[in-house]
């Protein structure tokens, strides 16, 4: 059997990137899980408003369990380059953490 190749026509638009591009909601987004409680996000803070691609940005926020049961949450941070000169997705997942 000789060399074989596979053509991926979706380019970078796989997973959530495709749904962002076509502005369509997904049934089970990243980090989705069945929970018996609710979480509230507050006090979003970023270290600076504008950065270059070599700069680091610190993001912080509080997550509080406001329900009646113990639970866990996947906190996610997405970024978007609004002045990109190259072909990029609508947003990029940069960090996530599961918290209890």
N, C-alpha and C. Protein backbone atom coordinates (compact mmCIF):
# COMPACT_ATOMS: atom_id res chain seq x y z
N UNK A 1 0.85 -1.17 0.00
CA UNK A 1 0.00 0.00 0.00
C UNK A 1 0.90 1.24 0.00
N UNK A 2 0.65 2.16 -0.91
CA UNK A 2 1.46 3.37 -1.05
C UNK A 2 1.03 4.47 -0.09
N UNK A 3 1.67 5.62 -0.21
CA UNK A 3 1.33 6.76 0.66
C UNK A 3 -0.13 7.17 0.51
N UNK A 4 -0.72 7.56 1.61
CA UNK A 4 -2.10 8.02 1.60
C UNK A 4 -2.17 9.40 2.24
N UNK A 5 -3.16 10.15 1.88
CA UNK A 5 -3.34 11.47 2.49
C UNK A 5 -4.80 11.69 2.81
N UNK A 6 -5.02 12.58 3.74
CA UNK A 6 -6.37 12.95 4.15
C UNK A 6 -6.50 14.45 4.01
N UNK A 7 -7.58 14.90 3.43
CA UNK A 7 -7.80 16.32 3.25
C UNK A 7 -8.78 16.83 4.30
N UNK A 8 -8.35 17.84 5.07
CA UNK A 8 -9.20 18.44 6.09
C UNK A 8 -9.66 19.81 5.60
N UNK A 9 -10.84 19.88 5.07
CA UNK A 9 -11.32 21.12 4.47
C UNK A 9 -11.82 22.13 5.48
N UNK A 10 -12.02 21.70 6.73
CA UNK A 10 -12.54 22.63 7.73
C UNK A 10 -11.48 23.59 8.26
N UNK A 11 -10.23 23.40 7.86
CA UNK A 11 -9.14 24.28 8.28
C UNK A 11 -9.07 24.31 9.80
N UNK A 12 -9.06 25.49 10.39
CA UNK A 12 -8.99 25.61 11.85
C UNK A 12 -10.36 25.52 12.50
N UNK A 13 -11.42 25.44 11.70
CA UNK A 13 -12.78 25.49 12.24
C UNK A 13 -13.30 24.11 12.63
N UNK A 14 -12.72 23.55 13.68
CA UNK A 14 -13.19 22.29 14.24
C UNK A 14 -13.66 22.57 15.67
N UNK A 15 -14.56 21.76 16.16
CA UNK A 15 -15.06 21.94 17.53
C UNK A 15 -15.77 23.27 17.71
N UNK A 16 -15.51 23.93 18.84
CA UNK A 16 -16.21 25.18 19.14
C UNK A 16 -15.89 26.27 18.13
N UNK A 17 -14.76 26.20 17.46
CA UNK A 17 -14.39 27.23 16.48
C UNK A 17 -15.37 27.27 15.32
N UNK A 18 -15.85 26.11 14.89
CA UNK A 18 -16.85 26.07 13.81
C UNK A 18 -18.14 26.73 14.26
N UNK A 19 -18.62 26.37 15.44
CA UNK A 19 -19.89 26.92 15.93
C UNK A 19 -19.80 28.42 16.18
N UNK A 20 -18.64 28.91 16.61
CA UNK A 20 -18.44 30.36 16.74
C UNK A 20 -18.51 31.05 15.39
N UNK A 21 -17.88 30.45 14.39
CA UNK A 21 -17.82 31.04 13.05
C UNK A 21 -19.21 31.17 12.44
N UNK A 22 -20.05 30.15 12.62
CA UNK A 22 -21.39 30.18 12.03
C UNK A 22 -22.43 30.71 13.02
N UNK A 23 -21.96 31.21 14.17
CA UNK A 23 -22.82 31.80 15.20
C UNK A 23 -23.97 30.88 15.58
N UNK A 24 -23.60 29.66 15.96
CA UNK A 24 -24.59 28.64 16.31
C UNK A 24 -24.27 28.09 17.70
N UNK A 25 -25.28 27.98 18.55
CA UNK A 25 -25.09 27.42 19.89
C UNK A 25 -24.91 25.91 19.82
N UNK A 26 -24.17 25.38 20.79
CA UNK A 26 -23.98 23.94 20.87
C UNK A 26 -24.80 23.39 22.03
N UNK A 27 -25.16 22.15 21.96
CA UNK A 27 -25.97 21.53 23.01
C UNK A 27 -25.16 21.33 24.29
N UNK A 28 -23.91 20.89 24.16
CA UNK A 28 -23.05 20.65 25.31
C UNK A 28 -21.72 21.35 25.11
N UNK A 29 -21.58 22.61 25.57
CA UNK A 29 -20.32 23.34 25.38
C UNK A 29 -19.20 22.76 26.24
N UNK A 30 -17.96 23.15 25.92
CA UNK A 30 -16.80 22.69 26.67
C UNK A 30 -16.99 22.96 28.16
N UNK A 31 -16.69 21.99 28.99
CA UNK A 31 -16.84 22.16 30.43
C UNK A 31 -18.24 21.88 30.93
N UNK A 32 -19.17 21.55 30.02
CA UNK A 32 -20.54 21.31 30.42
C UNK A 32 -20.63 20.02 31.23
N UNK A 33 -21.42 20.06 32.25
CA UNK A 33 -21.66 18.85 33.03
C UNK A 33 -22.95 19.02 33.79
N UNK A 34 -23.58 17.94 34.07
CA UNK A 34 -24.81 18.01 34.85
C UNK A 34 -24.46 18.36 36.29
N UNK A 35 -25.17 19.31 36.84
CA UNK A 35 -24.87 19.77 38.19
C UNK A 35 -26.17 19.98 38.94
N UNK A 36 -26.10 19.82 40.22
CA UNK A 36 -27.27 20.06 41.06
C UNK A 36 -27.17 21.40 41.76
N UNK A 37 -26.27 22.26 41.30
CA UNK A 37 -26.07 23.56 41.93
C UNK A 37 -25.82 24.61 40.86
N UNK A 38 -25.67 25.86 41.29
CA UNK A 38 -25.41 26.97 40.37
C UNK A 38 -24.19 27.75 40.84
N UNK A 39 -23.50 28.37 39.88
CA UNK A 39 -22.32 29.17 40.20
C UNK A 39 -22.49 30.58 39.68
N UNK A 40 -21.94 31.53 40.42
CA UNK A 40 -21.98 32.94 40.03
C UNK A 40 -20.54 33.43 39.86
N UNK A 41 -20.30 34.11 38.73
CA UNK A 41 -18.99 34.71 38.45
C UNK A 41 -19.08 36.20 38.77
N UNK A 42 -18.01 36.75 39.35
CA UNK A 42 -18.00 38.18 39.67
C UNK A 42 -16.57 38.70 39.73
N UNK A 43 -16.45 40.01 39.87
CA UNK A 43 -15.18 40.70 40.08
C UNK A 43 -14.11 40.37 39.02
N UNK A 44 -14.51 40.39 37.75
CA UNK A 44 -13.56 40.17 36.67
C UNK A 44 -12.53 41.28 36.65
N UNK A 45 -11.27 40.92 36.57
CA UNK A 45 -10.19 41.89 36.54
C UNK A 45 -9.12 41.43 35.56
N UNK A 46 -8.60 42.36 34.75
CA UNK A 46 -7.50 42.06 33.85
C UNK A 46 -6.37 43.04 34.13
N UNK A 47 -5.12 42.59 33.94
CA UNK A 47 -3.97 43.40 34.32
C UNK A 47 -3.74 44.59 33.39
N UNK A 48 -4.20 44.52 32.15
CA UNK A 48 -4.09 45.64 31.22
C UNK A 48 -5.12 45.49 30.11
N UNK A 49 -5.48 46.61 29.49
CA UNK A 49 -6.52 46.59 28.47
C UNK A 49 -6.02 46.23 27.08
N UNK A 50 -4.78 46.55 26.79
CA UNK A 50 -4.20 46.22 25.48
C UNK A 50 -2.88 45.50 25.69
N UNK A 51 -2.68 44.44 24.91
CA UNK A 51 -1.42 43.71 24.97
C UNK A 51 -0.96 43.39 23.56
N UNK A 52 0.31 43.10 23.43
CA UNK A 52 0.87 42.60 22.17
C UNK A 52 1.03 41.10 22.31
N UNK A 53 1.30 40.43 21.21
CA UNK A 53 1.35 38.97 21.23
C UNK A 53 2.43 38.40 22.13
N UNK A 54 3.42 39.19 22.50
CA UNK A 54 4.49 38.69 23.38
C UNK A 54 4.25 39.05 24.84
N UNK A 55 3.23 39.87 25.10
CA UNK A 55 2.91 40.29 26.47
C UNK A 55 2.12 39.21 27.20
N UNK A 56 2.18 39.28 28.52
CA UNK A 56 1.37 38.39 29.34
C UNK A 56 0.24 39.19 29.98
N UNK A 57 -0.90 38.57 30.12
CA UNK A 57 -2.07 39.20 30.70
C UNK A 57 -2.54 38.36 31.87
N UNK A 58 -2.79 39.00 32.99
CA UNK A 58 -3.31 38.28 34.15
C UNK A 58 -4.81 38.55 34.25
N UNK A 59 -5.58 37.48 34.35
CA UNK A 59 -7.03 37.55 34.45
C UNK A 59 -7.43 36.92 35.77
N UNK A 60 -8.31 37.60 36.50
CA UNK A 60 -8.80 37.00 37.74
C UNK A 60 -10.29 37.27 37.87
N UNK A 61 -10.96 36.40 38.57
CA UNK A 61 -12.39 36.54 38.85
C UNK A 61 -12.74 35.61 39.99
N UNK A 62 -13.87 35.87 40.59
CA UNK A 62 -14.36 35.01 41.67
C UNK A 62 -15.46 34.11 41.14
N UNK A 63 -15.50 32.90 41.65
CA UNK A 63 -16.56 31.95 41.33
C UNK A 63 -17.14 31.47 42.64
N UNK A 64 -18.44 31.64 42.79
CA UNK A 64 -19.09 31.26 44.04
C UNK A 64 -20.23 30.28 43.77
N UNK A 65 -20.27 29.24 44.57
CA UNK A 65 -21.37 28.29 44.52
C UNK A 65 -22.55 28.95 45.23
N UNK A 66 -23.59 29.32 44.48
CA UNK A 66 -24.76 29.99 45.06
C UNK A 66 -25.94 29.04 45.21
N UNK A 67 -25.72 27.76 44.95
CA UNK A 67 -26.78 26.77 45.09
C UNK A 67 -26.78 26.13 46.46
N UNK A 68 -27.62 25.15 46.63
CA UNK A 68 -27.78 24.45 47.91
C UNK A 68 -26.93 23.18 48.03
N UNK A 69 -26.28 22.78 46.97
CA UNK A 69 -25.53 21.52 46.96
C UNK A 69 -24.05 21.79 46.67
N UNK A 70 -23.19 20.85 47.09
CA UNK A 70 -21.79 20.87 46.73
C UNK A 70 -21.67 20.60 45.23
N UNK A 71 -20.70 21.20 44.57
CA UNK A 71 -20.53 20.95 43.15
C UNK A 71 -19.19 21.42 42.64
N UNK A 72 -18.96 21.22 41.36
CA UNK A 72 -17.73 21.67 40.71
C UNK A 72 -18.09 22.44 39.44
N UNK A 73 -17.16 23.27 39.00
CA UNK A 73 -17.36 24.12 37.83
C UNK A 73 -16.06 24.15 37.03
N UNK A 74 -16.15 24.26 35.72
CA UNK A 74 -14.97 24.44 34.88
C UNK A 74 -14.94 25.90 34.46
N UNK A 75 -14.07 26.68 35.09
CA UNK A 75 -13.91 28.09 34.75
C UNK A 75 -13.01 28.17 33.52
N UNK A 76 -13.39 29.01 32.54
CA UNK A 76 -12.69 29.08 31.26
C UNK A 76 -12.35 30.52 30.91
N UNK A 77 -11.19 30.71 30.30
CA UNK A 77 -10.79 32.03 29.81
C UNK A 77 -10.53 31.92 28.31
N UNK A 78 -11.25 32.74 27.54
CA UNK A 78 -11.09 32.79 26.09
C UNK A 78 -10.51 34.15 25.72
N UNK A 79 -9.75 34.20 24.62
CA UNK A 79 -9.20 35.46 24.12
C UNK A 79 -9.56 35.60 22.65
N UNK A 80 -9.53 36.86 22.19
CA UNK A 80 -9.80 37.17 20.79
C UNK A 80 -8.84 38.27 20.36
N UNK A 81 -8.20 38.07 19.23
CA UNK A 81 -7.30 39.08 18.68
C UNK A 81 -8.12 39.94 17.72
N UNK A 82 -8.46 41.14 18.14
CA UNK A 82 -9.32 42.00 17.31
C UNK A 82 -8.57 42.75 16.22
N UNK A 83 -7.23 42.70 16.27
CA UNK A 83 -6.44 43.38 15.25
C UNK A 83 -5.50 42.41 14.53
N UNK A 84 -5.90 41.17 14.42
CA UNK A 84 -5.04 40.15 13.83
C UNK A 84 -4.82 40.40 12.35
N UNK A 85 -3.60 40.19 11.90
CA UNK A 85 -3.29 40.28 10.48
C UNK A 85 -3.19 38.90 9.84
N UNK A 86 -3.42 37.87 10.65
CA UNK A 86 -3.40 36.50 10.12
C UNK A 86 -4.75 35.85 10.35
N UNK A 87 -4.99 34.75 9.66
CA UNK A 87 -6.22 33.99 9.73
C UNK A 87 -6.33 33.31 11.10
N UNK A 88 -7.32 33.72 11.92
CA UNK A 88 -7.48 33.16 13.26
C UNK A 88 -8.94 32.87 13.54
N UNK A 89 -9.18 32.05 14.56
CA UNK A 89 -10.55 31.74 14.97
C UNK A 89 -11.16 32.92 15.71
N UNK A 90 -12.48 32.89 15.90
CA UNK A 90 -13.19 33.96 16.58
C UNK A 90 -12.70 34.15 18.01
N UNK A 91 -12.44 33.06 18.69
CA UNK A 91 -11.90 33.12 20.05
C UNK A 91 -11.07 31.87 20.27
N UNK A 92 -10.16 31.96 21.25
CA UNK A 92 -9.29 30.83 21.55
C UNK A 92 -9.34 30.56 23.05
N UNK A 93 -9.51 29.30 23.41
CA UNK A 93 -9.46 28.90 24.80
C UNK A 93 -8.00 28.97 25.25
N UNK A 94 -7.71 29.81 26.25
CA UNK A 94 -6.34 29.97 26.72
C UNK A 94 -6.07 29.28 28.04
N UNK A 95 -7.08 29.15 28.86
CA UNK A 95 -6.87 28.52 30.17
C UNK A 95 -8.22 28.01 30.69
N UNK A 96 -8.18 26.93 31.43
CA UNK A 96 -9.37 26.45 32.14
C UNK A 96 -8.93 25.74 33.40
N UNK A 97 -9.82 25.70 34.34
CA UNK A 97 -9.52 25.01 35.59
C UNK A 97 -10.82 24.51 36.21
N UNK A 98 -10.79 23.29 36.67
CA UNK A 98 -11.95 22.74 37.37
C UNK A 98 -11.82 23.10 38.84
N UNK A 99 -12.87 23.68 39.38
CA UNK A 99 -12.86 24.09 40.77
C UNK A 99 -14.00 23.45 41.52
N UNK A 100 -13.80 23.28 42.82
CA UNK A 100 -14.81 22.62 43.66
C UNK A 100 -15.29 23.55 44.73
